[in-house]
Protein backbone atom coordinates (compact mmCIF):
# COMPACT_ATOMS: atom_id res chain seq x y z
CA MET A 1 -108.37 67.95 -3.42
CA ALA A 2 -107.62 70.43 -6.16
CA LYS A 3 -108.09 70.54 -9.87
CA MET A 4 -104.80 70.41 -11.73
CA SER A 5 -103.73 73.55 -13.56
CA GLY A 6 -102.16 73.37 -16.99
CA SER A 7 -98.65 74.13 -15.74
CA ILE A 8 -98.84 71.53 -12.98
CA GLY A 9 -100.32 69.07 -15.43
CA THR A 10 -97.35 69.57 -17.74
CA PHE A 11 -94.94 68.91 -14.85
CA VAL A 12 -96.81 65.80 -13.71
CA CYS A 13 -97.06 64.47 -17.24
CA GLY A 14 -93.32 64.92 -17.67
CA ALA A 15 -92.57 63.24 -14.36
CA LEU A 16 -94.72 60.24 -15.19
CA CYS A 17 -93.20 60.02 -18.66
CA LEU A 18 -89.79 59.95 -16.99
CA ALA A 19 -90.82 57.02 -14.82
CA ALA A 20 -92.27 55.13 -17.77
CA SER A 21 -89.23 55.74 -19.98
CA ALA A 22 -87.01 54.32 -17.25
CA GLY A 23 -88.75 50.97 -17.52
CA CYS A 24 -90.93 51.46 -14.45
CA GLY A 25 -94.20 51.77 -16.29
CA VAL A 26 -96.09 48.79 -14.86
CA GLY A 27 -99.16 50.05 -13.04
CA ILE A 28 -98.68 53.63 -14.24
CA ALA A 29 -101.46 55.37 -16.12
CA GLN A 30 -100.00 56.34 -19.48
CA PRO A 31 -99.96 60.13 -19.92
CA ASP A 32 -101.55 59.97 -23.38
CA ARG A 33 -104.64 58.38 -21.79
CA VAL A 34 -105.04 60.97 -19.04
CA ASP A 35 -107.16 64.08 -19.36
CA TRP A 36 -104.94 66.44 -17.39
CA GLU A 37 -107.57 69.18 -17.40
CA LYS A 38 -109.81 66.91 -15.33
CA ALA A 39 -107.12 65.30 -13.20
CA ARG A 40 -107.26 65.91 -9.44
CA LEU A 41 -104.45 66.27 -6.95
CA VAL A 42 -104.67 64.96 -3.39
CA ASP A 43 -102.08 66.40 -1.02
CA LEU A 44 -100.78 63.64 1.24
CA THR A 45 -98.56 66.00 3.24
CA HIS A 46 -99.10 67.39 6.72
CA SER A 47 -98.18 71.07 7.06
CA PHE A 48 -95.00 71.78 9.04
CA ASP A 49 -95.74 73.96 12.06
CA ALA A 50 -95.53 74.08 15.84
CA ASP A 51 -97.84 71.05 16.07
CA THR A 52 -95.77 68.83 13.77
CA ILE A 53 -95.23 65.42 15.34
CA VAL A 54 -91.64 64.22 15.64
CA TRP A 55 -90.01 61.16 17.20
CA PRO A 56 -89.92 61.47 21.01
CA THR A 57 -86.14 61.94 21.04
CA GLU A 58 -86.14 64.68 18.38
CA GLN A 59 -86.49 68.45 18.69
CA ASP A 60 -89.69 70.06 17.45
CA PHE A 61 -90.03 71.90 14.16
CA ARG A 62 -89.31 75.63 14.54
CA LEU A 63 -90.03 78.46 12.15
CA VAL A 64 -87.86 81.37 13.24
CA VAL A 65 -88.94 84.73 11.88
CA GLN A 66 -85.93 86.75 10.77
CA HIS A 67 -87.58 89.53 8.80
CA ALA A 68 -91.16 90.72 8.39
CA GLU A 69 -91.11 94.44 7.79
CA GLU A 70 -91.17 97.25 5.32
CA ALA A 71 -87.69 97.68 3.86
CA PRO A 72 -86.00 101.06 3.44
CA GLY A 73 -86.41 100.71 -0.31
CA GLY A 74 -90.18 100.92 0.01
CA TYR A 75 -91.03 97.23 -0.40
CA TYR A 76 -92.13 94.59 2.09
CA TYR A 77 -89.57 91.88 2.92
CA ALA A 78 -90.10 88.60 4.81
CA SER A 79 -87.66 85.77 5.52
CA ASN A 80 -87.60 82.88 8.00
CA ARG A 81 -85.22 80.18 9.18
CA ILE A 82 -86.40 76.63 9.73
CA GLU A 83 -85.06 74.17 12.29
CA MET A 84 -86.18 70.55 12.08
CA PRO A 85 -85.04 66.91 12.22
CA GLU A 86 -84.76 64.94 8.98
CA HIS A 87 -87.34 62.44 10.22
CA GLY A 88 -90.19 64.63 11.48
CA GLY A 89 -93.58 65.38 9.99
CA THR A 90 -94.30 63.97 6.54
CA HIS A 91 -90.90 62.72 5.45
CA ILE A 92 -88.89 60.17 3.53
CA ASP A 93 -86.44 57.61 4.90
CA ALA A 94 -83.46 57.22 2.59
CA PRO A 95 -81.91 53.73 2.40
CA ILE A 96 -78.83 54.76 4.40
CA HIS A 97 -81.11 55.48 7.37
CA PHE A 98 -81.00 51.78 8.32
CA SER A 99 -78.46 50.29 5.90
CA ARG A 100 -74.77 51.20 5.84
CA GLY A 101 -73.50 52.18 2.41
CA LYS A 102 -76.89 52.41 0.73
CA GLN A 103 -78.30 55.45 -1.04
CA THR A 104 -78.36 58.82 0.67
CA LEU A 105 -81.33 61.10 0.05
CA ASP A 106 -79.79 62.85 -2.94
CA GLN A 107 -78.85 59.50 -4.51
CA ILE A 108 -82.36 58.03 -4.69
CA PRO A 109 -83.33 57.78 -8.38
CA ILE A 110 -86.29 60.02 -9.07
CA GLU A 111 -87.98 57.08 -10.84
CA ARG A 112 -88.36 55.50 -7.39
CA LEU A 113 -90.43 58.45 -6.22
CA VAL A 114 -92.91 58.72 -9.10
CA GLY A 115 -95.34 56.13 -10.40
CA GLY A 116 -98.46 54.05 -10.15
CA ALA A 117 -99.68 53.37 -6.64
CA VAL A 118 -102.14 51.35 -4.57
CA ARG A 119 -103.73 52.00 -1.18
CA ILE A 120 -104.08 49.08 1.21
CA ASP A 121 -106.77 49.81 3.80
CA VAL A 122 -106.22 48.21 7.21
CA HIS A 123 -108.42 50.58 9.24
CA THR A 124 -110.43 47.77 10.77
CA GLN A 125 -107.47 45.73 11.98
CA CYS A 126 -105.70 48.77 13.42
CA ALA A 127 -108.85 50.01 15.18
CA ARG A 128 -108.92 46.73 17.09
CA ALA A 129 -105.23 46.78 18.05
CA ARG A 130 -102.94 49.82 18.26
CA ASP A 131 -99.89 47.60 17.92
CA TYR A 132 -101.15 45.86 14.79
CA GLN A 133 -98.64 44.74 12.20
CA VAL A 134 -99.88 44.41 8.61
CA THR A 135 -99.51 40.79 7.50
CA VAL A 136 -98.92 39.09 4.17
CA ARG A 137 -102.42 37.68 4.54
CA ASP A 138 -103.80 41.23 4.71
CA VAL A 139 -102.12 42.00 1.38
CA GLU A 140 -103.27 38.75 -0.19
CA GLN A 141 -106.85 39.43 0.91
CA TRP A 142 -106.59 42.93 -0.57
CA GLU A 143 -105.39 41.42 -3.86
CA ALA A 144 -108.26 38.93 -3.85
CA THR A 145 -110.64 41.90 -3.98
CA HIS A 146 -108.72 44.49 -5.99
CA GLY A 147 -106.36 42.45 -8.13
CA ARG A 148 -102.63 41.80 -8.09
CA ILE A 149 -100.43 44.70 -7.06
CA PRO A 150 -98.55 45.58 -10.27
CA ASP A 151 -94.81 45.11 -10.08
CA HIS A 152 -92.87 48.32 -9.36
CA SER A 153 -95.81 50.03 -7.68
CA ILE A 154 -95.72 52.47 -4.78
CA VAL A 155 -97.67 50.91 -1.90
CA LEU A 156 -99.45 53.19 0.59
CA VAL A 157 -100.67 51.59 3.82
CA ASP A 158 -103.75 53.28 5.28
CA THR A 159 -104.03 52.45 8.99
CA GLY A 160 -106.53 55.22 9.71
CA PHE A 161 -104.15 56.81 12.21
CA GLY A 162 -103.79 59.89 10.04
CA ARG A 163 -107.08 61.09 11.49
CA PHE A 164 -105.37 61.58 14.87
CA TRP A 165 -102.85 64.15 13.60
CA PRO A 166 -101.65 66.38 15.29
CA ASN A 167 -102.71 64.88 18.64
CA ARG A 168 -99.52 63.22 19.89
CA LYS A 169 -101.31 61.11 22.50
CA GLU A 170 -103.72 59.61 19.99
CA TYR A 171 -101.25 59.38 17.12
CA LEU A 172 -98.19 58.02 18.94
CA GLY A 173 -99.89 56.51 21.96
CA THR A 174 -97.98 58.82 24.30
CA GLU A 175 -97.06 62.43 24.92
CA LEU A 176 -93.84 61.49 26.73
CA ARG A 177 -90.51 62.61 25.28
CA GLY A 178 -87.03 61.12 25.29
CA GLN A 179 -86.32 57.40 25.70
CA GLU A 180 -89.27 57.11 28.05
CA GLY A 181 -91.47 58.28 25.19
CA VAL A 182 -89.92 55.78 22.78
CA ARG A 183 -90.73 52.91 25.16
CA ALA A 184 -94.35 54.11 25.38
CA LEU A 185 -95.02 54.25 21.62
CA HIS A 186 -98.09 52.35 20.45
CA PHE A 187 -99.15 52.59 16.81
CA PRO A 188 -99.46 50.12 13.92
CA GLY A 189 -96.90 49.30 11.25
CA VAL A 190 -95.94 46.77 8.59
CA HIS A 191 -94.63 43.38 9.71
CA PRO A 192 -91.08 42.65 8.49
CA ASP A 193 -92.30 39.49 6.73
CA THR A 194 -94.76 41.62 4.79
CA ALA A 195 -92.07 44.12 3.87
CA ALA A 196 -89.91 41.25 2.59
CA TRP A 197 -92.84 39.82 0.61
CA LEU A 198 -93.57 43.18 -1.05
CA VAL A 199 -89.95 43.45 -2.16
CA ARG A 200 -89.58 39.84 -3.24
CA GLU A 201 -92.97 39.17 -4.82
CA ARG A 202 -94.02 42.61 -6.11
CA GLN A 203 -90.69 44.48 -6.50
CA VAL A 204 -92.24 47.60 -4.94
CA LYS A 205 -90.62 50.96 -5.65
CA ALA A 206 -91.49 52.55 -2.30
CA VAL A 207 -93.76 52.00 0.70
CA GLY A 208 -95.63 54.70 2.62
CA ILE A 209 -97.74 54.76 5.77
CA ASP A 210 -99.85 57.21 7.81
CA THR A 211 -98.01 56.55 11.08
CA ALA A 212 -94.71 57.73 12.53
CA SER A 213 -92.84 54.62 11.41
CA ILE A 214 -93.12 51.76 8.93
CA ASP A 215 -92.38 49.52 11.95
CA TYR A 216 -94.99 49.39 14.69
CA GLY A 217 -94.46 51.54 17.77
CA GLN A 218 -93.14 48.80 20.05
CA SER A 219 -90.51 47.60 17.59
CA THR A 220 -86.94 47.48 18.85
CA ALA A 221 -85.32 45.72 15.86
CA PHE A 222 -86.97 47.89 13.15
CA GLY A 223 -87.11 44.90 10.83
CA SER A 224 -89.29 46.50 8.17
CA HIS A 225 -86.95 49.50 7.95
CA VAL A 226 -83.97 47.18 7.55
CA THR A 227 -85.72 44.94 5.02
CA LEU A 228 -86.89 47.76 2.76
CA LEU A 229 -84.00 50.20 3.05
CA SER A 230 -81.30 47.55 2.63
CA ARG A 231 -82.85 46.92 -0.79
CA ASN A 232 -82.89 50.63 -1.65
CA VAL A 233 -86.67 50.84 -1.27
CA PRO A 234 -87.43 54.27 0.26
CA VAL A 235 -90.07 54.70 2.95
CA PHE A 236 -92.62 57.54 3.32
CA GLU A 237 -93.91 58.19 6.85
CA ASN A 238 -96.54 60.41 8.50
CA LEU A 239 -98.67 60.58 5.36
CA ALA A 240 -101.93 62.54 5.37
CA ASP A 241 -105.41 62.00 3.92
CA LEU A 242 -104.90 58.50 2.55
CA ASN A 243 -108.62 57.92 3.06
CA GLY A 244 -109.21 60.33 0.18
CA LEU A 245 -107.67 57.89 -2.30
CA PRO A 246 -109.14 54.96 -4.21
CA GLU A 247 -107.56 51.55 -3.76
CA THR A 248 -106.07 51.56 -7.27
CA GLY A 249 -105.86 53.66 -10.41
CA PHE A 250 -103.81 56.64 -9.26
CA ASN A 251 -100.23 57.87 -9.38
CA VAL A 252 -97.95 59.30 -6.72
CA ILE A 253 -95.30 62.00 -6.93
CA ALA A 254 -93.13 62.10 -3.79
CA LEU A 255 -90.41 64.76 -3.97
CA PRO A 256 -88.21 65.33 -0.92
CA MET A 257 -85.77 68.13 -0.25
CA LYS A 258 -82.57 67.03 -2.04
CA ILE A 259 -80.14 66.94 0.89
CA ALA A 260 -76.64 65.76 -0.01
CA GLY A 261 -75.71 62.96 2.35
CA GLY A 262 -79.14 63.06 4.01
CA THR A 263 -80.63 60.03 5.76
CA GLY A 264 -84.10 61.46 5.12
CA GLY A 265 -85.89 64.75 4.79
CA PRO A 266 -89.17 66.61 4.53
CA LEU A 267 -91.42 65.30 1.77
CA ARG A 268 -94.10 66.92 -0.36
CA ILE A 269 -96.14 64.01 -1.66
CA VAL A 270 -99.24 64.18 -3.84
CA ALA A 271 -101.51 61.64 -5.47
CA VAL A 272 -102.73 62.21 -9.01
CA LEU A 273 -106.22 60.94 -9.76
CA PRO A 274 -106.55 61.26 -13.52
CA GLY A 275 -109.70 61.70 -15.55
CA LEU A 276 -109.59 59.21 -18.41
CA ARG A 277 -110.72 60.21 -21.87
């Protein structure tokens, strides 16, 4: 966690004001009630490096050093090239990823990516079963304790699997690559019925999870992807440090690389835990 500087606070305040002014203010802490000098940021992003976990059929992230030397002009100059799949590491799934004709990455309204959020903790269920799928009953039980999820919230699902990063065997259930690796995936996800309920009953803005996919590892139909993305609800995957968040009372800013025509892309996502006056 880090204390928010004045300049970052100004940016965050503006971003949250933007979301509120767009009519997406339910569940969002109003900026005039937040003490930005005391607000804390929680980085929910895994660093991209040689250990970054990608789907078994994808190539690994590569940072290719192009320059790292003293230049003839007397100054130091460094420059790299990055090579990576859209859907590796902490990333966003744009609606077109599983729904023909829906929004590409650059078309997602920024209001969808900023706003009030909740964390649904399913550590216990997922510790008992790697292939667990979060149910509507899980969400209803969460609401019985913490209150109704406000409409137009960002929902973050905390399976506890983030603690395994970057160990591929523990995180994905396998170290195998290619189609053989896909068949051997074992990790939890959100059941398609639950995804449909979140869209229908709570009009969620986005859904995130600390696993490699919003669908559980053994899925072959990817029903939660289809359900959410076909309704232009973006998905955040491979999130980090969700256990550092409260269940309610925080905001999320999830800003991806703006790739024209992209089906997804790397995501820098932070939670804002404000200090109230």
